[in-house]
Each structure stands twice: as C-alpha cells, then as structure tokens.
Amino acid sequence: MPNLAQHAALAVDDGLRRRIRAAVVQYAVNVTDAARPADTASDDDKDTDMGRRSLARSVLDSVESIVERFAWVVAANPTILASFGEGNQLNIADGDIEYVISQEWDRLAGVK
C-alpha cells in the first residue's frame, strides 16, 4: 500500500511533471476549443464554463504554476500511486494521468 513518502516522491518527480505538463496543456486546448453553453443554458452551466475556461487560460499563460497544483492531485490517485510503487513514473499509463486531470479539472478551476 502506498504511503505518504511515495506520494511526496511522486508529486515532485521531474518525469511525471513533464508528462502532467503535456497533459494539462492538451486538456486546456480542448477546453478552449469546446463550444460555449447556449444562451438558454442555466447560469450555473455558464459559470462552470467560465471557470473551466479561466483555468485553461491560466494554463496556456503560465503552465508551471498549474503543474504544481496538478502534480499533487495526480500523485494522490491510488491507481497512479500503485503504478509508481512498481518502479518509477514510466509505469504510469498516460491515460491514467489524463483521466485524473479531466476528473479534477473542475475542482481546481473552483467550479466543483
């Protein structure tokens, strides 16, 4: 079972951070390319979209500060921690990193 020392080691791993950087930028581009809510959408949907796009713009303006936030969240995922525990960050599937980023985007955007 992974422990806090493994979590901390993974969160600061340079190789993982490079992969997170690539995945976060890719996701930010997808968010900015997505259609905006229709005029008939609820205010909550519009606010959520605005928050998601705001985080995307922050990523595209200054990715390093966002990578720091995502690195700790990604490193806390049990599947990712277990894969890291098997040897190194290269054992972690890209899809697992991308999944965590997509699942945590709204929380880090402050809309969840």
C-alpha atoms as a PDB file:
ATOM      1  CA  MET A   1       0.000   0.000   0.000  1.00  0.00           C
ATOM      2  CA  PRO A   2       1.437   3.396  -0.972  1.00  0.00           C
ATOM      3  CA  ASN A   3       2.403   5.755   1.801  1.00  0.00           C
ATOM      4  CA  LEU A   4       2.867   9.499   2.172  1.00  0.00           C
ATOM      5  CA  ALA A   5       6.571   9.285   1.348  1.00  0.00           C
ATOM      6  CA  GLN A   6       5.728   7.668  -2.002  1.00  0.00           C
ATOM      7  CA  HIS A   7       3.048  10.298  -2.631  1.00  0.00           C
ATOM      8  CA  ALA A   8       5.533  13.092  -1.942  1.00  0.00           C
ATOM      9  CA  ALA A   9       8.246  11.487  -4.087  1.00  0.00           C
ATOM     10  CA  LEU A  10       5.851  11.090  -6.986  1.00  0.00           C
ATOM     11  CA  ALA A  11       4.492  14.645  -6.749  1.00  0.00           C
ATOM     12  CA  VAL A  12       7.979  16.102  -7.240  1.00  0.00           C
ATOM     13  CA  ASP A  13       9.192  13.579  -9.841  1.00  0.00           C
ATOM     14  CA  ASP A  14      10.503  15.574 -12.837  1.00  0.00           C
ATOM     15  CA  GLY A  15       9.493  12.945 -15.380  1.00  0.00           C
ATOM     16  CA  LEU A  16       5.928  12.833 -14.114  1.00  0.00           C
ATOM     17  CA  ARG A  17       5.743  16.626 -14.040  1.00  0.00           C
ATOM     18  CA  ARG A  18       6.769  16.800 -17.705  1.00  0.00           C
ATOM     19  CA  ARG A  19       4.007  14.350 -18.563  1.00  0.00           C
ATOM     20  CA  ILE A  20       1.478  16.269 -16.452  1.00  0.00           C
ATOM     21  CA  ARG A  21       2.538  19.498 -18.181  1.00  0.00           C
ATOM     22  CA  ALA A  22       1.843  17.947 -21.591  1.00  0.00           C
ATOM     23  CA  ALA A  23      -1.498  16.512 -20.485  1.00  0.00           C
ATOM     24  CA  VAL A  24      -2.644  19.741 -18.812  1.00  0.00           C
ATOM     25  CA  VAL A  25      -1.807  21.841 -21.874  1.00  0.00           C
ATOM     26  CA  GLN A  26      -3.587  19.344 -24.116  1.00  0.00           C
ATOM     27  CA  TYR A  27      -6.669  19.451 -21.867  1.00  0.00           C
ATOM     28  CA  ALA A  28      -6.586  23.266 -21.716  1.00  0.00           C
ATOM     29  CA  VAL A  29      -6.591  23.439 -25.509  1.00  0.00           C
ATOM     30  CA  ASN A  30      -9.592  21.094 -25.572  1.00  0.00           C
ATOM     31  CA  VAL A  31     -11.433  23.286 -23.063  1.00  0.00           C
ATOM     32  CA  THR A  32     -10.774  26.467 -25.029  1.00  0.00           C
ATOM     33  CA  ASP A  33     -11.850  24.756 -28.264  1.00  0.00           C
ATOM     34  CA  ALA A  34     -15.122  23.461 -26.786  1.00  0.00           C
ATOM     35  CA  ALA A  35     -18.391  25.130 -27.708  1.00  0.00           C
ATOM     36  CA  ARG A  36     -19.730  27.629 -25.219  1.00  0.00           C
ATOM     37  CA  PRO A  37     -23.049  26.957 -23.497  1.00  0.00           C
ATOM     38  CA  ALA A  38     -26.110  28.113 -25.409  1.00  0.00           C
ATOM     39  CA  ASP A  39     -27.776  31.373 -24.411  1.00  0.00           C
ATOM     40  CA  THR A  40     -30.561  29.268 -22.930  1.00  0.00           C
ATOM     41  CA  ALA A  41     -28.161  27.419 -20.603  1.00  0.00           C
ATOM     42  CA  SER A  42     -28.543  27.876 -16.864  1.00  0.00           C
ATOM     43  CA  ASP A  43     -26.436  30.416 -15.013  1.00  0.00           C
ATOM     44  CA  ASP A  44     -24.712  27.525 -13.217  1.00  0.00           C
ATOM     45  CA  ASP A  45     -23.679  25.987 -16.546  1.00  0.00           C
ATOM     46  CA  LYS A  46     -22.388  29.349 -17.758  1.00  0.00           C
ATOM     47  CA  ASP A  47     -20.462  29.900 -14.505  1.00  0.00           C
ATOM     48  CA  THR A  48     -18.967  26.415 -14.720  1.00  0.00           C
ATOM     49  CA  ASP A  49     -17.891  27.028 -18.305  1.00  0.00           C
ATOM     50  CA  MET A  50     -16.359  30.369 -17.343  1.00  0.00           C
ATOM     51  CA  GLY A  51     -14.379  28.770 -14.508  1.00  0.00           C
ATOM     52  CA  ARG A  52     -13.162  25.927 -16.713  1.00  0.00           C
ATOM     53  CA  ARG A  53     -12.064  28.381 -19.416  1.00  0.00           C
ATOM     54  CA  SER A  54     -10.371  30.614 -16.851  1.00  0.00           C
ATOM     55  CA  LEU A  55      -8.221  27.714 -15.676  1.00  0.00           C
ATOM     56  CA  ALA A  56      -7.474  26.823 -19.301  1.00  0.00           C
ATOM     57  CA  ARG A  57      -6.284  30.379 -20.000  1.00  0.00           C
ATOM     58  CA  SER A  58      -4.122  30.260 -16.866  1.00  0.00           C
ATOM     59  CA  VAL A  59      -2.552  27.039 -18.100  1.00  0.00           C
ATOM     60  CA  LEU A  60      -1.827  28.498 -21.504  1.00  0.00           C
ATOM     61  CA  ASP A  61      -0.432  31.715 -19.968  1.00  0.00           C
ATOM     62  CA  SER A  62       1.732  30.120 -17.266  1.00  0.00           C
ATOM     63  CA  VAL A  63       1.683  26.343 -17.182  1.00  0.00           C
ATOM     64  CA  GLU A  64       4.302  25.877 -14.450  1.00  0.00           C
ATOM     65  CA  SER A  65       2.180  27.192 -11.572  1.00  0.00           C
ATOM     66  CA  ILE A  66      -0.693  24.944 -12.652  1.00  0.00           C
ATOM     67  CA  VAL A  67       1.553  21.885 -12.991  1.00  0.00           C
ATOM     68  CA  GLU A  68       2.472  22.302  -9.329  1.00  0.00           C
ATOM     69  CA  ARG A  69      -1.198  22.074  -8.342  1.00  0.00           C
ATOM     70  CA  PHE A  70      -1.993  19.160 -10.632  1.00  0.00           C
ATOM     71  CA  ALA A  71       1.145  17.202  -9.657  1.00  0.00           C
ATOM     72  CA  TRP A  72      -0.042  16.782  -6.081  1.00  0.00           C
ATOM     73  CA  VAL A  73      -3.557  15.845  -7.166  1.00  0.00           C
ATOM     74  CA  VAL A  74      -2.311  13.323  -9.738  1.00  0.00           C
ATOM     75  CA  ALA A  75       0.119  11.856  -7.218  1.00  0.00           C
ATOM     76  CA  ALA A  76      -2.727  11.299  -4.745  1.00  0.00           C
ATOM     77  CA  ASN A  77      -4.605   8.990  -7.116  1.00  0.00           C
ATOM     78  CA  PRO A  78      -4.437   5.385  -5.810  1.00  0.00           C
ATOM     79  CA  THR A  79      -4.018   3.843  -9.277  1.00  0.00           C
ATOM     80  CA  ILE A  80      -1.171   6.193 -10.130  1.00  0.00           C
ATOM     81  CA  LEU A  81       0.480   5.690  -6.746  1.00  0.00           C
ATOM     82  CA  ALA A  82       0.293   1.917  -7.147  1.00  0.00           C
ATOM     83  CA  SER A  83       1.855   2.104 -10.608  1.00  0.00           C
ATOM     84  CA  PHE A  84       4.647   4.334  -9.292  1.00  0.00           C
ATOM     85  CA  GLY A  85       5.235   1.914  -6.444  1.00  0.00           C
ATOM     86  CA  GLU A  86       6.103  -0.749  -9.020  1.00  0.00           C
ATOM     87  CA  GLY A  87       9.277   1.029 -10.053  1.00  0.00           C
ATOM     88  CA  ASN A  88       9.058   4.528 -11.446  1.00  0.00           C
ATOM     89  CA  GLN A  89       6.836   7.066 -13.170  1.00  0.00           C
ATOM     90  CA  LEU A  90       7.274   5.339 -16.529  1.00  0.00           C
ATOM     91  CA  ASN A  91       4.999   2.559 -15.241  1.00  0.00           C
ATOM     92  CA  ILE A  92       2.125   5.061 -15.079  1.00  0.00           C
ATOM     93  CA  ALA A  93      -0.105   4.964 -18.145  1.00  0.00           C
ATOM     94  CA  ASP A  94      -0.666   8.258 -19.971  1.00  0.00           C
ATOM     95  CA  GLY A  95      -4.382   7.506 -19.913  1.00  0.00           C
ATOM     96  CA  ASP A  96      -4.353   7.383 -16.106  1.00  0.00           C
ATOM     97  CA  ILE A  97      -2.736  10.833 -15.938  1.00  0.00           C
ATOM     98  CA  GLU A  98      -5.184  12.221 -18.495  1.00  0.00           C
ATOM     99  CA  TYR A  99      -8.110  10.685 -16.607  1.00  0.00           C
ATOM    100  CA  VAL A 100      -7.146  12.318 -13.302  1.00  0.00           C
ATOM    101  CA  ILE A 101      -6.656  15.688 -14.993  1.00  0.00           C
ATOM    102  CA  SER A 102     -10.076  15.501 -16.621  1.00  0.00           C
ATOM    103  CA  GLN A 103     -11.708  14.391 -13.361  1.00  0.00           C
ATOM    104  CA  GLU A 104     -10.044  17.082 -11.245  1.00  0.00           C
ATOM    105  CA  TRP A 105     -10.188  19.992 -13.718  1.00  0.00           C
ATOM    106  CA  ASP A 106     -13.423  21.446 -12.329  1.00  0.00           C
ATOM    107  CA  ARG A 107     -12.247  21.169  -8.721  1.00  0.00           C
ATOM    108  CA  LEU A 108      -9.013  23.013  -9.499  1.00  0.00           C
ATOM    109  CA  ALA A 109     -10.998  25.544 -11.542  1.00  0.00           C
ATOM    110  CA  GLY A 110     -13.095  26.193  -8.429  1.00  0.00           C
ATOM    111  CA  VAL A 111     -16.380  25.164 -10.014  1.00  0.00           C
ATOM    112  CA  LYS A 112     -16.923  21.847  -8.242  1.00  0.00           C
END
